[in-house]
Amino acid sequence: MSKPTLLIMAAGMGSRFGGLKQVEKIGPSGETILEYSIYDAIRAGFRKVVFIIRKDIEQVFNELFITKLKNKIEIVTVFQDIELAGVEKYLYEGRVKPWGTGHAILVAKKTIKEPFAVINADDFYGANSFKILSEWLSKSNVNESLYCNVTYRLNETVSEFGSVSRGVCSVDENGFIKNIVERKKIETENSRIYYTDQNNQKVDLSSLEKVSMNMWGFQPSIFTYLEESFGKFLEEKVSDPNSEFLIPDVVMNLIEKNIVSVKALVTDEKWLGITYKEDKASVIEMINELVDKKVYPENIWE
C-alpha cells in the first residue's frame, strides 16, 4: 500500500508575507493553521510534503516552516512564478500574480509520481479529513481516472462576520460529483443561510449542502490533463492579466467529458479559516477546545 504525498499551495502568500493570515499564530504554542495541517497529515500517513511557493518568499518561508519541519517529514519546495520555462511568450508587463491553482499543481509534475492530496495553506481542515483522504489515496484499487474531493457541510464552513464564496457540489446516487457551482456572497442570518444571486435576490440554502474547500485527492494522471489544459488557457487568456487557471475548472471539464470520476468524500469536521480579521479569535478558541479535548497536544512539535 503506497503512502500518499501532500501538496500545499502557498504561493499566494506573496511579497507581504509577514502580514498575511497564513502566518497568524492560532495555537497555544504559536502554531499556524499550516502547521496543524501538516501535523494531521503526518498522523494520517502522508509520507512527503511538497510546498508550492514563490521564489521571493523562500527565505522567510524556510525560517518560519522548513527548519521546524525538516526532521518531521520529507519536504520538497517547488516554485510557482510567472517567469517559467515554456510560458515566456505569454509574459507581458501587466502580469503580476501567478497563474492560479491549476498551475500551482502543474509545477509539481517532476516531483510527484504517486497519489497525492492538494490543500490550501491557510485552511484548517481537521484531523479526520486527512485520515479519510489518506485512506482513499492509499487504496491499491484506485485507478488513474478516479479522483476525490473531501466535501464539508456548508454550515461548517461559513463565517459569522461576513459573506463567503463556496463551491457547492451536486452529487449523484453513487457519491460522485456531477457539478461544482461557485456560490458567492453566502451569508448567515440567525439560523438562515443564503446567497445573493445576480439579480440581487436572496436565495436560501439548506445549510447541509456539500461544498468543496479545495481539498483534493489526485492520481499522477492529473498532470497530463493540466499540461494540455494550461496550453489552451494561455492561448485564450493571455490578454487578461487577472485570468487564473483554476483546478475546479479543469476537473469539471474532465468530468463533463467522462474522462475522470471524482468521489465526494464526506467529512464531519468543521472547517476553520481567517476570512475576516474577526475570525481569528473564534479560530483560536476552537483550537484551544480541541487541545482541551486532547485532539492536539499543547505543542504539536514537542
Protein backbone atom coordinates (compact mmCIF):
# COMPACT_ATOMS: atom_id res chain seq x y z
CA MET A 1 0.00 0.00 0.00
CA SER A 2 1.60 3.24 -1.15
CA LYS A 3 1.89 6.28 1.08
CA PRO A 4 0.48 9.48 -0.44
CA THR A 5 2.06 12.90 -0.75
CA LEU A 6 0.57 16.20 0.41
CA LEU A 7 0.86 19.20 -1.91
CA ILE A 8 0.30 22.55 -0.17
CA MET A 9 -0.47 25.60 -2.27
CA ALA A 10 1.28 28.51 -0.55
CA ALA A 11 2.35 30.73 -3.46
CA GLY A 12 -0.44 33.16 -2.64
CA MET A 13 1.41 34.26 0.45
CA GLY A 14 3.01 36.92 -1.73
CA SER A 15 5.55 39.62 -1.05
CA ARG A 16 3.70 40.95 2.03
CA PHE A 17 4.13 37.52 3.60
CA GLY A 18 4.75 38.67 7.15
CA GLY A 19 1.38 40.38 7.46
CA LEU A 20 -0.83 37.71 5.93
CA LYS A 21 -3.21 35.28 7.60
CA GLN A 22 -1.14 32.21 6.65
CA VAL A 23 1.34 33.07 9.39
CA GLU A 24 -1.16 34.10 12.06
CA LYS A 25 -0.42 32.26 15.30
CA ILE A 26 -3.54 30.43 16.40
CA GLY A 27 -2.22 27.55 18.53
CA PRO A 28 -1.29 27.71 22.23
CA SER A 29 2.41 27.41 21.35
CA GLY A 30 2.24 29.79 18.39
CA GLU A 31 1.29 27.22 15.75
CA THR A 32 -0.16 28.37 12.43
CA ILE A 33 -3.03 26.76 10.54
CA LEU A 34 -0.50 25.37 8.07
CA GLU A 35 1.35 23.54 10.84
CA TYR A 36 -1.82 21.86 12.07
CA SER A 37 -2.50 20.60 8.55
CA ILE A 38 0.97 19.07 8.33
CA TYR A 39 0.66 17.56 11.81
CA ASP A 40 -2.67 15.98 10.84
CA ALA A 41 -1.21 14.74 7.55
CA ILE A 42 1.72 13.05 9.30
CA ARG A 43 -0.63 11.28 11.69
CA ALA A 44 -2.81 10.20 8.77
CA GLY A 45 0.11 8.52 7.00
CA PHE A 46 1.30 11.03 4.41
CA ARG A 47 4.98 10.47 3.71
CA LYS A 48 6.02 13.67 1.94
CA VAL A 49 5.03 17.34 1.77
CA VAL A 50 5.50 19.42 -1.37
CA PHE A 51 5.27 23.17 -0.79
CA ILE A 52 4.36 25.37 -3.75
CA ILE A 53 5.72 28.84 -3.01
CA ARG A 54 7.08 31.88 -4.79
CA LYS A 55 10.82 32.39 -5.07
CA ASP A 56 10.64 35.79 -3.39
CA ILE A 57 9.34 34.31 -0.12
CA GLU A 58 11.75 31.37 0.03
CA GLN A 59 13.95 32.73 2.80
CA VAL A 60 11.20 33.79 5.17
CA PHE A 61 9.24 30.61 4.42
CA ASN A 62 12.26 28.48 5.30
CA GLU A 63 12.77 30.42 8.54
CA LEU A 64 9.15 30.04 9.61
CA PHE A 65 8.42 26.49 8.49
CA ILE A 66 11.14 24.40 6.89
CA THR A 67 13.60 24.50 9.78
CA LYS A 68 10.82 23.46 12.15
CA LEU A 69 9.59 20.58 9.99
CA LYS A 70 12.77 19.19 8.44
CA ASN A 71 13.01 16.24 10.84
CA LYS A 72 9.28 15.50 10.90
CA ILE A 73 8.53 14.56 7.28
CA GLU A 74 10.20 14.59 3.86
CA ILE A 75 9.95 18.09 2.42
CA VAL A 76 10.22 19.35 -1.14
CA THR A 77 9.86 23.00 -2.20
CA VAL A 78 8.76 23.95 -5.71
CA PHE A 79 8.42 27.48 -7.03
CA GLN A 80 5.39 28.92 -8.78
CA ASP A 81 6.35 32.10 -10.58
CA ILE A 82 5.15 33.72 -13.76
CA GLU A 83 8.65 33.54 -15.25
CA LEU A 84 8.66 29.84 -16.06
CA ALA A 85 10.13 27.90 -18.96
CA GLY A 86 7.54 27.35 -21.64
CA VAL A 87 5.43 30.42 -20.92
CA GLU A 88 7.88 33.21 -21.75
CA LYS A 89 6.00 34.21 -24.87
CA TYR A 90 2.90 34.81 -22.76
CA LEU A 91 4.55 37.20 -20.35
CA TYR A 92 3.96 40.88 -20.56
CA GLU A 93 4.24 43.93 -18.38
CA GLY A 94 0.72 43.69 -16.93
CA ARG A 95 1.06 40.20 -15.47
CA VAL A 96 1.98 40.18 -11.78
CA LYS A 97 0.35 37.28 -9.96
CA PRO A 98 0.90 33.56 -10.60
CA TRP A 99 -1.33 31.65 -12.99
CA GLY A 100 -3.71 30.07 -10.45
CA THR A 101 -4.29 26.84 -8.52
CA GLY A 102 -4.22 24.58 -11.58
CA HIS A 103 -0.79 25.89 -12.49
CA ALA A 104 0.36 25.56 -8.86
CA ILE A 105 -0.29 21.84 -9.06
CA LEU A 106 1.26 21.53 -12.52
CA VAL A 107 4.64 22.89 -11.38
CA ALA A 108 4.98 19.85 -9.10
CA LYS A 109 4.86 17.44 -12.03
CA LYS A 110 8.51 16.38 -11.80
CA THR A 111 8.31 15.96 -8.04
CA ILE A 112 5.22 13.78 -7.57
CA LYS A 113 4.87 10.30 -9.08
CA GLU A 114 2.41 8.84 -6.57
CA PRO A 115 -1.20 9.55 -5.46
CA PHE A 116 -1.36 12.92 -3.75
CA ALA A 117 -3.60 15.35 -1.91
CA VAL A 118 -3.91 19.08 -2.51
CA ILE A 119 -4.82 21.69 0.12
CA ASN A 120 -4.68 25.44 0.66
CA ALA A 121 -2.04 26.73 3.07
CA ASP A 122 -4.45 28.88 5.04
CA ASP A 123 -7.35 26.47 5.65
CA PHE A 124 -7.82 24.26 8.72
CA TYR A 125 -9.33 21.01 7.50
CA GLY A 126 -9.40 18.84 10.64
CA ALA A 127 -7.74 15.55 11.54
CA ASN A 128 -10.49 13.24 10.26
CA SER A 129 -10.45 14.89 6.83
CA PHE A 130 -6.79 13.95 6.37
CA LYS A 131 -7.49 10.44 7.66
CA ILE A 132 -10.24 9.66 5.16
CA LEU A 133 -8.27 11.26 2.34
CA SER A 134 -5.13 9.29 3.14
CA GLU A 135 -7.10 6.04 3.33
CA TRP A 136 -8.67 6.71 -0.07
CA LEU A 137 -5.38 7.59 -1.75
CA SER A 138 -3.64 4.56 -0.24
CA LYS A 139 -6.08 2.05 -1.73
CA SER A 140 -4.36 -0.20 -4.22
CA ASN A 141 -7.51 -0.49 -6.38
CA VAL A 142 -7.88 3.25 -7.07
CA ASN A 143 -7.23 3.76 -10.78
CA GLU A 144 -5.70 6.66 -12.70
CA SER A 145 -9.07 8.13 -13.71
CA LEU A 146 -10.57 8.16 -10.22
CA TYR A 147 -10.04 11.29 -8.10
CA CYS A 148 -11.74 12.54 -4.94
CA ASN A 149 -12.69 15.69 -3.09
CA VAL A 150 -13.27 15.99 0.66
CA THR A 151 -16.60 17.77 0.99
CA TYR A 152 -17.87 19.69 4.00
CA ARG A 153 -21.37 20.58 5.13
CA LEU A 154 -21.97 24.19 4.20
CA ASN A 155 -22.93 25.20 7.73
CA GLU A 156 -19.48 24.09 8.93
CA THR A 157 -17.69 26.48 6.58
CA VAL A 158 -19.38 29.88 6.93
CA SER A 159 -18.27 32.99 8.81
CA GLU A 160 -20.46 34.95 11.17
CA PHE A 161 -18.55 38.12 10.28
CA GLY A 162 -19.29 38.40 6.56
CA SER A 163 -20.03 36.66 3.29
CA VAL A 164 -18.02 33.82 1.77
CA SER A 165 -17.83 32.05 -1.58
CA ARG A 166 -18.16 28.28 -1.72
CA GLY A 167 -18.13 25.60 -4.41
CA VAL A 168 -21.46 23.83 -3.90
CA CYS A 169 -21.31 20.23 -5.13
CA SER A 170 -24.04 18.23 -6.85
CA VAL A 171 -23.52 14.54 -6.09
CA ASP A 172 -25.12 11.53 -7.78
CA GLU A 173 -26.65 8.48 -6.08
CA ASN A 174 -23.26 6.74 -6.02
CA GLY A 175 -21.50 9.62 -4.31
CA PHE A 176 -19.69 11.03 -7.34
CA ILE A 177 -19.56 14.74 -8.06
CA LYS A 178 -21.66 15.81 -11.05
CA ASN A 179 -21.10 19.53 -10.81
CA ILE A 180 -19.50 22.25 -8.69
CA VAL A 181 -21.18 25.66 -8.75
CA GLU A 182 -19.42 28.65 -7.23
CA ARG A 183 -21.91 30.46 -4.98
CA LYS A 184 -20.78 33.91 -3.96
CA LYS A 185 -21.98 36.16 -1.15
CA ILE A 186 -23.07 33.31 1.12
CA GLU A 187 -24.16 34.78 4.44
CA THR A 188 -25.76 33.74 7.71
CA GLU A 189 -28.65 35.44 9.44
CA ASN A 190 -29.77 33.81 12.70
CA SER A 191 -30.34 30.20 11.60
CA ARG A 192 -30.70 31.13 7.93
CA ILE A 193 -28.01 30.63 5.28
CA TYR A 194 -28.46 32.20 1.87
CA TYR A 195 -26.57 33.59 -1.10
CA THR A 196 -27.27 36.68 -3.18
CA ASP A 197 -27.73 35.94 -6.87
CA GLN A 198 -27.02 38.09 -9.92
CA ASN A 199 -30.43 39.72 -9.62
CA ASN A 200 -29.63 40.75 -6.04
CA GLN A 201 -32.17 38.24 -4.74
CA LYS A 202 -31.52 36.28 -1.54
CA VAL A 203 -31.71 32.53 -2.25
CA ASP A 204 -31.99 30.21 0.75
CA LEU A 205 -29.66 27.25 1.20
CA SER A 206 -30.39 24.23 3.36
CA SER A 207 -27.07 24.58 5.25
CA LEU A 208 -26.33 20.88 4.60
CA GLU A 209 -25.10 21.27 1.02
CA LYS A 210 -21.80 19.55 0.29
CA VAL A 211 -19.12 22.11 -0.52
CA SER A 212 -15.59 21.83 -1.83
CA MET A 213 -12.87 23.57 0.18
CA ASN A 214 -10.07 22.75 -2.27
CA MET A 215 -9.10 19.51 -0.54
CA TRP A 216 -8.50 17.21 -3.48
CA GLY A 217 -7.13 13.73 -3.98
CA PHE A 218 -5.43 13.07 -7.32
CA GLN A 219 -3.60 10.40 -9.26
CA PRO A 220 -0.47 11.43 -11.23
CA SER A 221 -2.59 11.38 -14.41
CA ILE A 222 -3.85 14.85 -13.47
CA PHE A 223 -0.53 16.33 -14.60
CA THR A 224 -1.11 15.28 -18.20
CA TYR A 225 -4.56 16.86 -18.22
CA LEU A 226 -3.28 20.02 -16.55
CA GLU A 227 -0.48 20.39 -19.06
CA GLU A 228 -2.88 20.07 -22.01
CA SER A 229 -5.42 22.46 -20.48
CA PHE A 230 -2.81 25.04 -19.46
CA GLY A 231 -1.58 25.39 -23.02
CA LYS A 232 -5.13 26.12 -24.21
CA PHE A 233 -5.68 28.51 -21.31
CA LEU A 234 -2.59 30.54 -22.19
CA GLU A 235 -3.62 30.86 -25.81
CA GLU A 236 -7.11 32.07 -24.86
CA LYS A 237 -6.46 34.20 -21.77
CA VAL A 238 -3.05 35.77 -22.39
CA SER A 239 -4.51 39.27 -22.82
CA ASP A 240 -6.17 39.22 -19.38
CA PRO A 241 -3.65 39.99 -16.59
CA ASN A 242 -6.12 38.75 -13.96
CA SER A 243 -7.02 35.44 -15.58
CA GLU A 244 -6.49 32.33 -13.44
CA PHE A 245 -6.07 28.69 -14.37
CA LEU A 246 -8.16 27.08 -11.62
CA ILE A 247 -8.21 23.42 -10.63
CA PRO A 248 -12.03 23.15 -10.22
CA ASP A 249 -12.47 24.35 -13.82
CA VAL A 250 -10.06 21.73 -15.12
CA VAL A 251 -11.63 18.92 -13.09
CA MET A 252 -15.17 19.88 -14.10
CA ASN A 253 -14.15 19.82 -17.75
CA LEU A 254 -12.77 16.30 -17.29
CA ILE A 255 -15.96 15.17 -15.53
CA GLU A 256 -18.16 16.59 -18.28
CA LYS A 257 -16.13 14.72 -20.90
CA ASN A 258 -16.34 11.48 -18.86
CA ILE A 259 -12.56 11.31 -18.68
CA VAL A 260 -12.40 11.10 -14.87
CA SER A 261 -14.73 10.47 -11.94
CA VAL A 262 -14.48 12.36 -8.64
CA LYS A 263 -15.72 10.73 -5.46
CA ALA A 264 -17.20 13.06 -2.86
CA LEU A 265 -15.66 12.01 0.45
CA VAL A 266 -17.74 13.42 3.30
CA THR A 267 -16.15 14.77 6.47
CA ASP A 268 -17.87 15.76 9.69
CA GLU A 269 -15.08 18.19 10.56
CA LYS A 270 -15.60 21.92 10.97
CA TRP A 271 -13.53 23.95 8.53
CA LEU A 272 -11.67 26.88 10.06
CA GLY A 273 -10.20 29.88 8.32
CA ILE A 274 -9.49 33.56 8.80
CA THR A 275 -11.57 35.17 6.09
CA TYR A 276 -12.11 38.29 8.21
CA LYS A 277 -9.90 39.67 10.96
CA GLU A 278 -12.69 39.00 13.46
CA ASP A 279 -12.48 35.27 12.63
CA LYS A 280 -9.11 34.93 14.33
CA ALA A 281 -10.47 34.98 17.89
CA SER A 282 -13.02 32.25 17.16
CA VAL A 283 -10.39 30.11 15.40
CA ILE A 284 -8.09 30.39 18.43
CA GLU A 285 -10.99 29.47 20.72
CA MET A 286 -11.86 26.38 18.67
CA ILE A 287 -8.23 25.24 18.54
CA ASN A 288 -7.99 25.60 22.31
CA GLU A 289 -11.12 23.48 22.66
CA LEU A 290 -9.50 20.76 20.54
CA VAL A 291 -6.39 20.94 22.72
CA ASP A 292 -8.57 20.60 25.83
CA LYS A 293 -10.18 17.52 24.27
CA LYS A 294 -6.70 16.06 23.64
CA VAL A 295 -7.15 16.10 19.85
CA TYR A 296 -3.90 18.10 19.76
CA PRO A 297 -1.11 18.49 22.33
CA GLU A 298 -0.22 21.91 23.75
CA ASN A 299 2.81 21.98 21.45
CA ILE A 300 2.40 19.81 18.35
CA TRP A 301 6.13 19.62 17.60
CA GLU A 302 7.48 18.65 21.01
